[in-house]
Amino acid sequence: MHLARPTVLLVHSDAWHWRGLRAALADCHTIRVIGHVQQAAVAPRIVEKEQPALIIMSDPVSDAPLVPLVHEFQAVSPVSTCLIVGGGRTLDYAALADLATLQRVAYVLWEDLTEETLPLCLHLLLRTHLMVMSPAVVRPVAEDVTSCLSEREREVFRLAGSGMTYERIATRLYIGTSTVKTHAARIRRKLKLAPHEDVGAAYRRLTRVSSFG
């Protein structure tokens, strides 16, 4: 007997990179995409009718306020899990705290939603209902902490915090692994970290917000 595949509805902006996400979802055989919509005003009616297992939505959606829209989705379809995919910006703490009160919501950044992590992210959301929060969006490191870092050092610091190895960071930034190690050493020195402390672990420690668990 074949188990029914969970249904997925996309609620997104008209940004070009959503084409790539739709293509990746089409290749994910564990789910069934039932459609997509770009008009935030009509999205709740579709969600109420279809009751999708997963709603993948962009931040922002047609300039609609994100948090009220998510609350409306959950009101009309409590069985739906929301995966919010953010762009190059992050939510502020108040908005994240509001989303954190909901049990079936996750927030990731585009750069964290790679071809390798997409199936795992969907599995976690649909099978375990874990809240998957990207280290890059839980809370940016306070300005007074990172003000001493260069722009490239802050970029390396954040990518290391997301779990990337030095080799992957080097590939992402088109620089050598030795250069990434040099940046890491400078980050340790400027932030007065232990000489051999893992930079990624330091990022997560400095950006941890207790209310998110």
N, C-alpha and C. Protein backbone atom coordinates (compact mmCIF):
# COMPACT_ATOMS: atom_id res chain seq x y z
N MET A 1 0.84 -1.19 0.00
CA MET A 1 0.00 0.00 0.00
C MET A 1 0.87 1.25 0.00
N HIS A 2 0.59 2.19 -0.89
CA HIS A 2 1.36 3.42 -0.97
C HIS A 2 0.75 4.47 -0.06
N LEU A 3 1.61 5.09 0.75
CA LEU A 3 1.15 6.15 1.63
C LEU A 3 0.97 7.43 0.82
N ALA A 4 -0.07 8.19 1.13
CA ALA A 4 -0.31 9.45 0.44
C ALA A 4 0.82 10.43 0.74
N ARG A 5 1.27 11.10 -0.28
CA ARG A 5 2.34 12.08 -0.09
C ARG A 5 1.76 13.36 0.50
N PRO A 6 2.46 13.98 1.46
CA PRO A 6 1.99 15.24 2.03
C PRO A 6 1.85 16.31 0.94
N THR A 7 0.82 17.13 1.04
CA THR A 7 0.60 18.18 0.05
C THR A 7 1.28 19.47 0.47
N VAL A 8 1.76 20.20 -0.52
CA VAL A 8 2.50 21.44 -0.27
C VAL A 8 1.91 22.56 -1.13
N LEU A 9 1.68 23.71 -0.51
CA LEU A 9 1.23 24.90 -1.22
C LEU A 9 2.29 25.97 -1.08
N LEU A 10 2.65 26.63 -2.18
CA LEU A 10 3.61 27.72 -2.15
C LEU A 10 2.88 29.06 -2.14
N VAL A 11 3.25 29.91 -1.21
CA VAL A 11 2.73 31.28 -1.14
C VAL A 11 3.95 32.18 -1.15
N HIS A 12 4.17 32.86 -2.27
CA HIS A 12 5.50 33.47 -2.44
C HIS A 12 5.44 34.80 -3.19
N SER A 13 6.59 35.44 -3.24
CA SER A 13 6.74 36.67 -4.00
C SER A 13 7.05 36.31 -5.45
N ASP A 14 7.26 37.33 -6.27
CA ASP A 14 7.58 37.06 -7.67
C ASP A 14 9.09 37.03 -7.91
N ALA A 15 9.86 36.90 -6.84
CA ALA A 15 11.32 36.88 -6.97
C ALA A 15 11.75 35.70 -7.85
N TRP A 16 12.78 35.92 -8.64
CA TRP A 16 13.19 34.91 -9.62
C TRP A 16 13.65 33.61 -8.99
N HIS A 17 14.23 33.68 -7.77
CA HIS A 17 14.80 32.45 -7.21
C HIS A 17 13.73 31.45 -6.77
N TRP A 18 12.45 31.87 -6.72
CA TRP A 18 11.40 30.90 -6.40
C TRP A 18 11.22 29.88 -7.52
N ARG A 19 11.65 30.23 -8.73
CA ARG A 19 11.61 29.25 -9.81
C ARG A 19 12.50 28.07 -9.48
N GLY A 20 13.68 28.35 -8.94
CA GLY A 20 14.59 27.28 -8.56
C GLY A 20 14.02 26.41 -7.45
N LEU A 21 13.34 27.04 -6.48
CA LEU A 21 12.75 26.27 -5.40
C LEU A 21 11.62 25.39 -5.91
N ARG A 22 10.80 25.92 -6.82
CA ARG A 22 9.73 25.11 -7.39
C ARG A 22 10.29 23.91 -8.14
N ALA A 23 11.40 24.12 -8.84
CA ALA A 23 12.03 23.01 -9.57
C ALA A 23 12.57 21.96 -8.60
N ALA A 24 13.16 22.42 -7.49
CA ALA A 24 13.68 21.48 -6.50
C ALA A 24 12.55 20.69 -5.85
N LEU A 25 11.44 21.35 -5.58
CA LEU A 25 10.29 20.67 -4.99
C LEU A 25 9.70 19.64 -5.95
N ALA A 26 9.74 19.95 -7.24
CA ALA A 26 9.22 19.01 -8.23
C ALA A 26 10.02 17.71 -8.24
N ASP A 27 11.28 17.80 -7.86
CA ASP A 27 12.14 16.61 -7.83
C ASP A 27 12.08 15.88 -6.49
N CYS A 28 11.36 16.45 -5.52
CA CYS A 28 11.26 15.84 -4.19
C CYS A 28 10.06 14.89 -4.19
N HIS A 29 10.31 13.61 -4.32
CA HIS A 29 9.24 12.64 -4.53
C HIS A 29 8.45 12.30 -3.27
N THR A 30 8.86 12.84 -2.13
CA THR A 30 8.16 12.53 -0.89
C THR A 30 7.01 13.50 -0.63
N ILE A 31 6.83 14.52 -1.49
CA ILE A 31 5.75 15.48 -1.31
C ILE A 31 5.00 15.66 -2.63
N ARG A 32 3.86 16.33 -2.58
CA ARG A 32 3.08 16.64 -3.78
C ARG A 32 2.70 18.12 -3.74
N VAL A 33 3.22 18.89 -4.68
CA VAL A 33 2.93 20.32 -4.75
C VAL A 33 1.55 20.51 -5.39
N ILE A 34 0.64 21.13 -4.67
CA ILE A 34 -0.73 21.28 -5.18
C ILE A 34 -0.97 22.63 -5.83
N GLY A 35 0.02 23.52 -5.78
CA GLY A 35 -0.14 24.80 -6.44
C GLY A 35 0.67 25.89 -5.76
N HIS A 36 0.59 27.09 -6.35
CA HIS A 36 1.28 28.22 -5.75
C HIS A 36 0.48 29.49 -6.01
N VAL A 37 0.65 30.47 -5.13
CA VAL A 37 -0.10 31.72 -5.22
C VAL A 37 0.81 32.87 -4.81
N GLN A 38 0.65 34.00 -5.46
CA GLN A 38 1.46 35.18 -5.13
C GLN A 38 0.63 36.30 -4.50
N GLN A 39 -0.68 36.13 -4.45
CA GLN A 39 -1.54 37.17 -3.87
C GLN A 39 -1.85 36.84 -2.42
N ALA A 40 -1.30 37.62 -1.52
CA ALA A 40 -1.51 37.35 -0.09
C ALA A 40 -2.98 37.43 0.29
N ALA A 41 -3.74 38.27 -0.38
CA ALA A 41 -5.14 38.47 -0.01
C ALA A 41 -5.99 37.22 -0.23
N VAL A 42 -5.66 36.43 -1.26
CA VAL A 42 -6.47 35.25 -1.55
C VAL A 42 -5.88 33.98 -0.94
N ALA A 43 -4.66 34.06 -0.44
CA ALA A 43 -3.98 32.87 0.07
C ALA A 43 -4.74 32.18 1.21
N PRO A 44 -5.28 32.91 2.20
CA PRO A 44 -5.99 32.22 3.29
C PRO A 44 -7.17 31.38 2.81
N ARG A 45 -7.90 31.86 1.78
CA ARG A 45 -9.03 31.08 1.27
C ARG A 45 -8.56 29.77 0.65
N ILE A 46 -7.44 29.82 -0.05
CA ILE A 46 -6.90 28.60 -0.67
C ILE A 46 -6.41 27.64 0.41
N VAL A 47 -5.75 28.19 1.42
CA VAL A 47 -5.25 27.35 2.52
C VAL A 47 -6.42 26.68 3.23
N GLU A 48 -7.49 27.43 3.48
CA GLU A 48 -8.66 26.87 4.16
C GLU A 48 -9.29 25.75 3.34
N LYS A 49 -9.35 25.91 2.02
CA LYS A 49 -9.97 24.91 1.16
C LYS A 49 -9.10 23.67 1.01
N GLU A 50 -7.79 23.86 0.80
CA GLU A 50 -6.89 22.74 0.49
C GLU A 50 -6.33 22.04 1.73
N GLN A 51 -6.23 22.77 2.86
CA GLN A 51 -5.67 22.20 4.09
C GLN A 51 -4.33 21.50 3.82
N PRO A 52 -3.36 22.19 3.24
CA PRO A 52 -2.08 21.55 2.90
C PRO A 52 -1.30 21.16 4.15
N ALA A 53 -0.53 20.10 4.02
CA ALA A 53 0.31 19.69 5.14
C ALA A 53 1.42 20.71 5.40
N LEU A 54 1.90 21.33 4.32
CA LEU A 54 3.00 22.28 4.43
C LEU A 54 2.73 23.50 3.56
N ILE A 55 2.92 24.68 4.14
CA ILE A 55 2.84 25.93 3.39
C ILE A 55 4.24 26.51 3.36
N ILE A 56 4.81 26.62 2.18
CA ILE A 56 6.12 27.24 2.03
C ILE A 56 5.90 28.66 1.54
N MET A 57 6.32 29.62 2.33
CA MET A 57 6.02 31.01 1.99
C MET A 57 7.28 31.86 2.05
N SER A 58 7.27 32.93 1.26
CA SER A 58 8.42 33.82 1.23
C SER A 58 8.23 34.95 2.23
N ASP A 59 9.33 35.56 2.58
CA ASP A 59 9.30 36.74 3.45
C ASP A 59 9.99 37.88 2.70
N PRO A 60 9.23 38.90 2.23
CA PRO A 60 7.79 39.09 2.42
C PRO A 60 6.97 38.42 1.32
N VAL A 61 5.66 38.38 1.54
CA VAL A 61 4.72 37.89 0.52
C VAL A 61 3.95 39.08 -0.02
N SER A 62 4.27 39.50 -1.22
CA SER A 62 3.57 40.64 -1.85
C SER A 62 3.44 41.82 -0.89
N ASP A 63 4.48 42.05 -0.11
CA ASP A 63 4.52 43.17 0.85
C ASP A 63 3.47 43.06 1.95
N ALA A 64 2.86 41.90 2.12
CA ALA A 64 1.89 41.71 3.20
C ALA A 64 2.63 41.49 4.52
N PRO A 65 2.10 41.99 5.63
CA PRO A 65 2.72 41.73 6.94
C PRO A 65 2.81 40.23 7.19
N LEU A 66 3.98 39.75 7.54
CA LEU A 66 4.21 38.32 7.64
C LEU A 66 3.48 37.67 8.81
N VAL A 67 3.67 38.20 10.01
CA VAL A 67 3.16 37.53 11.20
C VAL A 67 1.63 37.40 11.19
N PRO A 68 0.86 38.46 10.89
CA PRO A 68 -0.60 38.28 10.82
C PRO A 68 -1.03 37.25 9.79
N LEU A 69 -0.31 37.18 8.67
CA LEU A 69 -0.66 36.21 7.64
C LEU A 69 -0.45 34.78 8.13
N VAL A 70 0.65 34.54 8.82
CA VAL A 70 0.91 33.20 9.36
C VAL A 70 -0.15 32.82 10.39
N HIS A 71 -0.51 33.76 11.25
CA HIS A 71 -1.56 33.49 12.23
C HIS A 71 -2.89 33.16 11.55
N GLU A 72 -3.18 33.85 10.45
CA GLU A 72 -4.42 33.57 9.73
C GLU A 72 -4.38 32.18 9.10
N PHE A 73 -3.24 31.81 8.54
CA PHE A 73 -3.10 30.46 7.97
C PHE A 73 -3.38 29.40 9.03
N GLN A 74 -2.81 29.60 10.21
CA GLN A 74 -2.96 28.58 11.25
C GLN A 74 -4.37 28.58 11.83
N ALA A 75 -5.05 29.71 11.74
CA ALA A 75 -6.42 29.76 12.23
C ALA A 75 -7.36 28.97 11.31
N VAL A 76 -7.15 29.08 10.00
CA VAL A 76 -8.05 28.42 9.05
C VAL A 76 -7.61 26.99 8.74
N SER A 77 -6.34 26.66 9.04
CA SER A 77 -5.85 25.31 8.78
C SER A 77 -4.84 24.91 9.85
N PRO A 78 -5.32 24.50 11.03
CA PRO A 78 -4.41 24.14 12.12
C PRO A 78 -3.49 22.97 11.80
N VAL A 79 -3.84 22.17 10.78
CA VAL A 79 -3.00 21.02 10.46
C VAL A 79 -1.79 21.41 9.63
N SER A 80 -1.76 22.64 9.12
CA SER A 80 -0.68 23.06 8.22
C SER A 80 0.55 23.51 9.00
N THR A 81 1.70 23.12 8.49
CA THR A 81 2.98 23.61 8.98
C THR A 81 3.48 24.69 8.02
N CYS A 82 4.01 25.78 8.57
CA CYS A 82 4.52 26.87 7.74
C CYS A 82 6.04 26.89 7.72
N LEU A 83 6.60 26.87 6.52
CA LEU A 83 8.04 27.07 6.36
C LEU A 83 8.22 28.43 5.70
N ILE A 84 8.83 29.36 6.42
CA ILE A 84 9.03 30.71 5.91
C ILE A 84 10.46 30.84 5.42
N VAL A 85 10.61 31.24 4.18
CA VAL A 85 11.94 31.36 3.58
C VAL A 85 12.26 32.85 3.43
N GLY A 86 13.25 33.31 4.17
CA GLY A 86 13.61 34.72 4.14
C GLY A 86 14.69 35.01 3.12
N GLY A 87 14.75 36.26 2.72
CA GLY A 87 15.78 36.68 1.77
C GLY A 87 17.03 37.13 2.49
N GLY A 88 17.63 38.20 2.00
CA GLY A 88 18.89 38.66 2.57
C GLY A 88 18.75 39.44 3.85
N ARG A 89 17.54 39.62 4.35
CA ARG A 89 17.35 40.36 5.58
C ARG A 89 16.86 39.40 6.67
N THR A 90 16.79 39.88 7.87
CA THR A 90 16.32 39.05 8.97
C THR A 90 15.14 39.71 9.66
N LEU A 91 14.33 38.91 10.30
CA LEU A 91 13.25 39.45 11.12
C LEU A 91 13.82 40.06 12.39
N ASP A 92 13.11 41.01 12.96
CA ASP A 92 13.55 41.53 14.23
C ASP A 92 13.13 40.58 15.35
N TYR A 93 13.61 40.83 16.53
CA TYR A 93 13.38 39.91 17.64
C TYR A 93 11.90 39.79 17.97
N ALA A 94 11.17 40.91 17.94
CA ALA A 94 9.75 40.88 18.31
C ALA A 94 8.95 39.98 17.37
N ALA A 95 9.24 40.08 16.07
CA ALA A 95 8.52 39.25 15.10
C ALA A 95 8.86 37.78 15.29
N LEU A 96 10.13 37.48 15.52
CA LEU A 96 10.53 36.10 15.75
C LEU A 96 9.88 35.55 17.01
N ALA A 97 9.82 36.36 18.05
CA ALA A 97 9.21 35.90 19.30
C ALA A 97 7.73 35.58 19.07
N ASP A 98 7.07 36.37 18.23
CA ASP A 98 5.66 36.12 17.92
C ASP A 98 5.52 34.80 17.16
N LEU A 99 6.38 34.58 16.16
CA LEU A 99 6.33 33.33 15.41
C LEU A 99 6.65 32.14 16.31
N ALA A 100 7.51 32.34 17.28
CA ALA A 100 7.93 31.24 18.14
C ALA A 100 6.80 30.71 19.01
N THR A 101 5.73 31.49 19.16
CA THR A 101 4.59 31.03 19.96
C THR A 101 3.77 29.99 19.19
N LEU A 102 3.96 29.91 17.90
CA LEU A 102 3.24 28.93 17.08
C LEU A 102 4.04 27.64 17.02
N GLN A 103 3.34 26.52 17.03
CA GLN A 103 4.00 25.24 17.15
C GLN A 103 4.46 24.66 15.81
N ARG A 104 3.95 25.16 14.72
CA ARG A 104 4.26 24.56 13.42
C ARG A 104 4.82 25.60 12.45
N VAL A 105 5.83 26.29 12.90
CA VAL A 105 6.44 27.34 12.08
C VAL A 105 7.95 27.20 12.11
N ALA A 106 8.57 27.35 10.95
CA ALA A 106 10.03 27.37 10.86
C ALA A 106 10.44 28.53 9.98
N TYR A 107 11.64 29.05 10.20
CA TYR A 107 12.14 30.17 9.41
C TYR A 107 13.56 29.83 8.99
N VAL A 108 13.82 29.87 7.71
CA VAL A 108 15.17 29.64 7.20
C VAL A 108 15.52 30.73 6.20
N LEU A 109 16.81 30.90 5.94
CA LEU A 109 17.25 31.84 4.93
C LEU A 109 17.47 31.13 3.60
N TRP A 110 17.36 31.88 2.52
CA TRP A 110 17.60 31.30 1.20
C TRP A 110 18.94 30.59 1.16
N GLU A 111 19.97 31.22 1.70
CA GLU A 111 21.31 30.65 1.58
C GLU A 111 21.47 29.37 2.40
N ASP A 112 20.59 29.18 3.38
CA ASP A 112 20.64 27.95 4.17
C ASP A 112 19.81 26.83 3.55
N LEU A 113 18.95 27.17 2.60
CA LEU A 113 18.06 26.19 2.00
C LEU A 113 18.72 25.65 0.73
N THR A 114 19.77 24.87 0.91
CA THR A 114 20.51 24.34 -0.22
C THR A 114 19.84 23.09 -0.76
N GLU A 115 20.32 22.62 -1.89
CA GLU A 115 19.77 21.41 -2.49
C GLU A 115 19.88 20.22 -1.55
N GLU A 116 20.97 20.21 -0.74
CA GLU A 116 21.17 19.10 0.19
C GLU A 116 20.26 19.19 1.41
N THR A 117 20.01 20.42 1.88
CA THR A 117 19.25 20.57 3.12
C THR A 117 17.75 20.61 2.92
N LEU A 118 17.28 20.90 1.70
CA LEU A 118 15.84 21.01 1.47
C LEU A 118 15.07 19.74 1.85
N PRO A 119 15.46 18.55 1.36
CA PRO A 119 14.71 17.34 1.75
C PRO A 119 14.71 17.10 3.25
N LEU A 120 15.85 17.36 3.91
CA LEU A 120 15.92 17.15 5.35
C LEU A 120 15.01 18.13 6.08
N CYS A 121 15.01 19.38 5.63
CA CYS A 121 14.16 20.39 6.26
C CYS A 121 12.69 20.00 6.14
N LEU A 122 12.28 19.55 4.96
CA LEU A 122 10.89 19.13 4.77
C LEU A 122 10.56 17.92 5.64
N HIS A 123 11.49 16.99 5.76
CA HIS A 123 11.27 15.81 6.59
C HIS A 123 11.06 16.21 8.05
N LEU A 124 11.92 17.10 8.54
CA LEU A 124 11.80 17.54 9.93
C LEU A 124 10.45 18.21 10.19
N LEU A 125 10.04 19.05 9.25
CA LEU A 125 8.80 19.78 9.45
C LEU A 125 7.58 18.88 9.39
N LEU A 126 7.58 17.96 8.43
CA LEU A 126 6.38 17.15 8.21
C LEU A 126 6.31 15.95 9.15
N ARG A 127 7.45 15.42 9.56
CA ARG A 127 7.44 14.20 10.37
C ARG A 127 7.58 14.45 11.86
N THR A 128 8.28 15.51 12.23
CA THR A 128 8.53 15.73 13.66
C THR A 128 7.98 17.05 14.17
N HIS A 129 7.63 17.96 13.25
CA HIS A 129 7.13 19.29 13.63
C HIS A 129 8.13 20.05 14.49
N LEU A 130 9.41 19.82 14.26
CA LEU A 130 10.43 20.58 14.96
C LEU A 130 10.44 22.01 14.44
N MET A 131 10.75 22.94 15.32
CA MET A 131 10.96 24.30 14.87
C MET A 131 12.41 24.43 14.43
N VAL A 132 12.65 24.59 13.15
CA VAL A 132 13.99 24.67 12.62
C VAL A 132 14.32 26.14 12.41
N MET A 133 15.15 26.69 13.28
CA MET A 133 15.51 28.09 13.17
C MET A 133 16.95 28.22 12.71
N SER A 134 17.17 28.92 11.64
CA SER A 134 18.52 29.14 11.15
C SER A 134 19.29 30.00 12.14
N PRO A 135 20.54 29.64 12.46
CA PRO A 135 21.34 30.49 13.35
C PRO A 135 21.46 31.91 12.82
N ALA A 136 21.35 32.08 11.50
CA ALA A 136 21.51 33.41 10.92
C ALA A 136 20.31 34.30 11.16
N VAL A 137 19.15 33.74 11.53
CA VAL A 137 17.97 34.57 11.73
C VAL A 137 17.46 34.59 13.15
N VAL A 138 17.98 33.76 14.02
CA VAL A 138 17.53 33.79 15.41
C VAL A 138 17.78 35.16 16.01
N ARG A 139 19.00 35.65 15.86
CA ARG A 139 19.28 37.04 16.23
C ARG A 139 20.65 37.39 15.68
N PRO A 140 20.78 38.47 14.95
CA PRO A 140 22.11 38.88 14.52
C PRO A 140 22.97 39.18 15.73
N VAL A 141 24.26 38.97 15.63
CA VAL A 141 25.15 39.32 16.72
C VAL A 141 25.02 40.81 16.98
N ALA A 142 25.00 41.19 18.22
CA ALA A 142 24.81 42.60 18.57
C ALA A 142 25.85 43.48 17.89
N GLU A 143 25.42 44.68 17.51
CA GLU A 143 26.30 45.58 16.77
C GLU A 143 27.59 45.88 17.54
N ASP A 144 27.48 46.00 18.86
CA ASP A 144 28.68 46.33 19.61
C ASP A 144 29.66 45.17 19.64
N VAL A 145 29.20 43.96 19.33
CA VAL A 145 30.09 42.80 19.27
C VAL A 145 30.80 42.74 17.93
N THR A 146 30.07 42.96 16.85
CA THR A 146 30.64 42.78 15.52
C THR A 146 31.20 44.06 14.92
N SER A 147 31.06 45.16 15.60
CA SER A 147 31.53 46.43 15.04
C SER A 147 33.03 46.41 14.79
N CYS A 148 33.74 45.56 15.51
CA CYS A 148 35.19 45.50 15.34
C CYS A 148 35.60 44.59 14.18
N LEU A 149 34.64 43.87 13.59
CA LEU A 149 34.94 42.95 12.49
C LEU A 149 34.74 43.64 11.15
N SER A 150 35.53 43.22 10.17
CA SER A 150 35.32 43.71 8.82
C SER A 150 34.09 43.05 8.23
N GLU A 151 33.62 43.57 7.10
CA GLU A 151 32.43 42.99 6.46
C GLU A 151 32.66 41.54 6.09
N ARG A 152 33.83 41.20 5.56
CA ARG A 152 34.12 39.82 5.19
C ARG A 152 34.23 38.93 6.42
N GLU A 153 34.80 39.45 7.50
CA GLU A 153 34.90 38.67 8.73
C GLU A 153 33.52 38.36 9.30
N ARG A 154 32.61 39.35 9.25
CA ARG A 154 31.24 39.10 9.72
C ARG A 154 30.57 38.03 8.86
N GLU A 155 30.84 38.04 7.56
CA GLU A 155 30.25 37.05 6.66
C GLU A 155 30.77 35.66 6.98
N VAL A 156 32.07 35.54 7.17
CA VAL A 156 32.67 34.25 7.53
C VAL A 156 32.12 33.77 8.87
N PHE A 157 32.01 34.70 9.83
CA PHE A 157 31.52 34.38 11.17
C PHE A 157 30.11 33.81 11.10
N ARG A 158 29.23 34.46 10.32
CA ARG A 158 27.84 34.01 10.21
C ARG A 158 27.73 32.66 9.50
N LEU A 159 28.50 32.48 8.43
CA LEU A 159 28.45 31.21 7.70
C LEU A 159 28.97 30.06 8.57
N ALA A 160 30.01 30.34 9.34
CA ALA A 160 30.52 29.31 10.26
C ALA A 160 29.45 28.97 11.29
N GLY A 161 28.70 29.99 11.72
CA GLY A 161 27.64 29.76 12.69
C GLY A 161 26.50 28.92 12.15
N SER A 162 26.33 28.94 10.81
CA SER A 162 25.27 28.14 10.21
C SER A 162 25.68 26.68 10.04
N GLY A 163 26.93 26.35 10.43
CA GLY A 163 27.38 24.96 10.37
C GLY A 163 28.29 24.63 9.20
N MET A 164 28.62 25.61 8.39
CA MET A 164 29.47 25.35 7.23
C MET A 164 30.91 25.09 7.66
N THR A 165 31.58 24.17 6.96
CA THR A 165 33.00 23.95 7.17
C THR A 165 33.78 25.07 6.49
N TYR A 166 35.06 25.18 6.84
CA TYR A 166 35.90 26.20 6.19
C TYR A 166 35.95 25.98 4.68
N GLU A 167 35.97 24.72 4.27
CA GLU A 167 36.04 24.41 2.84
C GLU A 167 34.78 24.91 2.12
N ARG A 168 33.61 24.69 2.73
CA ARG A 168 32.36 25.15 2.10
C ARG A 168 32.26 26.67 2.10
N ILE A 169 32.74 27.29 3.17
CA ILE A 169 32.74 28.76 3.21
C ILE A 169 33.63 29.31 2.11
N ALA A 170 34.79 28.68 1.93
CA ALA A 170 35.71 29.12 0.88
C ALA A 170 35.06 29.02 -0.49
N THR A 171 34.35 27.91 -0.73
CA THR A 171 33.66 27.73 -2.01
C THR A 171 32.57 28.77 -2.19
N ARG A 172 31.80 29.03 -1.12
CA ARG A 172 30.70 29.99 -1.20
C ARG A 172 31.22 31.40 -1.48
N LEU A 173 32.35 31.77 -0.88
CA LEU A 173 32.84 33.14 -1.00
C LEU A 173 33.91 33.29 -2.08
N TYR A 174 34.22 32.19 -2.77
CA TYR A 174 35.21 32.21 -3.84
C TYR A 174 36.59 32.68 -3.34
N ILE A 175 36.97 32.14 -2.19
CA ILE A 175 38.29 32.44 -1.63
C ILE A 175 38.93 31.12 -1.22
N GLY A 176 40.20 31.17 -0.86
CA GLY A 176 40.90 29.96 -0.46
C GLY A 176 40.57 29.56 0.97
N THR A 177 40.72 28.27 1.26
CA THR A 177 40.47 27.78 2.63
C THR A 177 41.42 28.44 3.61
N SER A 178 42.66 28.66 3.19
CA SER A 178 43.64 29.30 4.07
C SER A 178 43.21 30.73 4.42
N THR A 179 42.55 31.40 3.47
CA THR A 179 42.05 32.75 3.74
C THR A 179 40.92 32.71 4.76
N VAL A 180 40.05 31.70 4.66
CA VAL A 180 38.97 31.54 5.65
C VAL A 180 39.58 31.33 7.04
N LYS A 181 40.61 30.51 7.12
CA LYS A 181 41.27 30.25 8.41
C LYS A 181 41.88 31.53 8.97
N THR A 182 42.43 32.35 8.07
CA THR A 182 43.00 33.63 8.52
C THR A 182 41.91 34.53 9.08
N HIS A 183 40.76 34.59 8.39
CA HIS A 183 39.63 35.38 8.90
C HIS A 183 39.19 34.84 10.26
N ALA A 184 39.13 33.51 10.40
CA ALA A 184 38.70 32.91 11.66
C ALA A 184 39.65 33.29 12.80
N ALA A 185 40.93 33.29 12.50
CA ALA A 185 41.93 33.66 13.51
C ALA A 185 41.75 35.12 13.93
N ARG A 186 41.46 35.98 12.96
CA ARG A 186 41.25 37.40 13.28
C ARG A 186 39.97 37.59 14.09
N ILE A 187 38.94 36.80 13.76
CA ILE A 187 37.68 36.87 14.52
C ILE A 187 37.93 36.50 15.98
N ARG A 188 38.68 35.41 16.19
CA ARG A 188 39.00 34.98 17.57
C ARG A 188 39.74 36.09 18.32
N ARG A 189 40.72 36.70 17.64
CA ARG A 189 41.53 37.72 18.29
C ARG A 189 40.70 38.96 18.61
N LYS A 190 39.90 39.42 17.64
CA LYS A 190 39.13 40.65 17.84
C LYS A 190 38.02 40.48 18.88
N LEU A 191 37.42 39.27 18.93
CA LEU A 191 36.34 39.02 19.88
C LEU A 191 36.83 38.43 21.19
N LYS A 192 38.18 38.33 21.29
CA LYS A 192 38.81 37.81 22.51
C LYS A 192 38.31 36.40 22.85
N LEU A 193 38.22 35.55 21.82
CA LEU A 193 37.84 34.16 22.02
C LEU A 193 39.08 33.35 22.38
N ALA A 194 38.85 32.13 22.87
CA ALA A 194 39.97 31.24 23.14
C ALA A 194 40.70 30.94 21.82
N PRO A 195 42.02 30.74 21.86
CA PRO A 195 42.82 30.58 20.63
C PRO A 195 42.30 29.50 19.70
N HIS A 196 41.76 28.42 20.26
CA HIS A 196 41.31 27.31 19.42
C HIS A 196 39.80 27.10 19.48
N GLU A 197 39.06 28.09 19.97
CA GLU A 197 37.60 27.93 20.04
C GLU A 197 37.00 27.84 18.65
N ASP A 198 36.05 26.96 18.47
CA ASP A 198 35.37 26.81 17.19
C ASP A 198 34.58 28.09 16.91
N VAL A 199 34.85 28.69 15.76
CA VAL A 199 34.23 29.97 15.44
C VAL A 199 32.71 29.82 15.27
N GLY A 200 32.28 28.72 14.65
CA GLY A 200 30.86 28.49 14.47
C GLY A 200 30.15 28.35 15.81
N ALA A 201 30.75 27.60 16.74
CA ALA A 201 30.15 27.44 18.07
C ALA A 201 30.10 28.78 18.79
N ALA A 202 31.12 29.60 18.60
CA ALA A 202 31.14 30.92 19.23
C ALA A 202 30.01 31.79 18.70
N TYR A 203 29.77 31.71 17.40
CA TYR A 203 28.66 32.48 16.81
C TYR A 203 27.34 32.07 17.43
N ARG A 204 27.11 30.75 17.51
CA ARG A 204 25.84 30.27 18.06
C ARG A 204 25.71 30.64 19.54
N ARG A 205 26.81 30.62 20.25
CA ARG A 205 26.78 30.99 21.67
C ARG A 205 26.45 32.47 21.83
N LEU A 206 27.04 33.31 21.00
CA LEU A 206 26.83 34.74 21.12
C LEU A 206 25.47 35.19 20.62
N THR A 207 24.84 34.38 19.74
CA THR A 207 23.55 34.79 19.18
C THR A 207 22.39 34.00 19.76
N ARG A 208 22.65 33.14 20.74
CA ARG A 208 21.58 32.33 21.29
C ARG A 208 20.57 33.20 22.03
N VAL A 209 19.29 32.89 21.80
CA VAL A 209 18.19 33.57 22.50
C VAL A 209 17.44 32.52 23.30
N SER A 210 17.43 32.64 24.60
CA SER A 210 16.91 31.57 25.45
C SER A 210 15.45 31.23 25.16
N SER A 211 14.65 32.21 24.76
CA SER A 211 13.22 31.94 24.59
C SER A 211 12.93 31.03 23.42
N PHE A 212 13.91 30.79 22.55
CA PHE A 212 13.69 29.89 21.43
C PHE A 212 14.15 28.48 21.75
N GLY A 213 14.68 28.24 22.94
CA GLY A 213 15.07 26.89 23.35
C GLY A 213 16.36 26.44 22.74
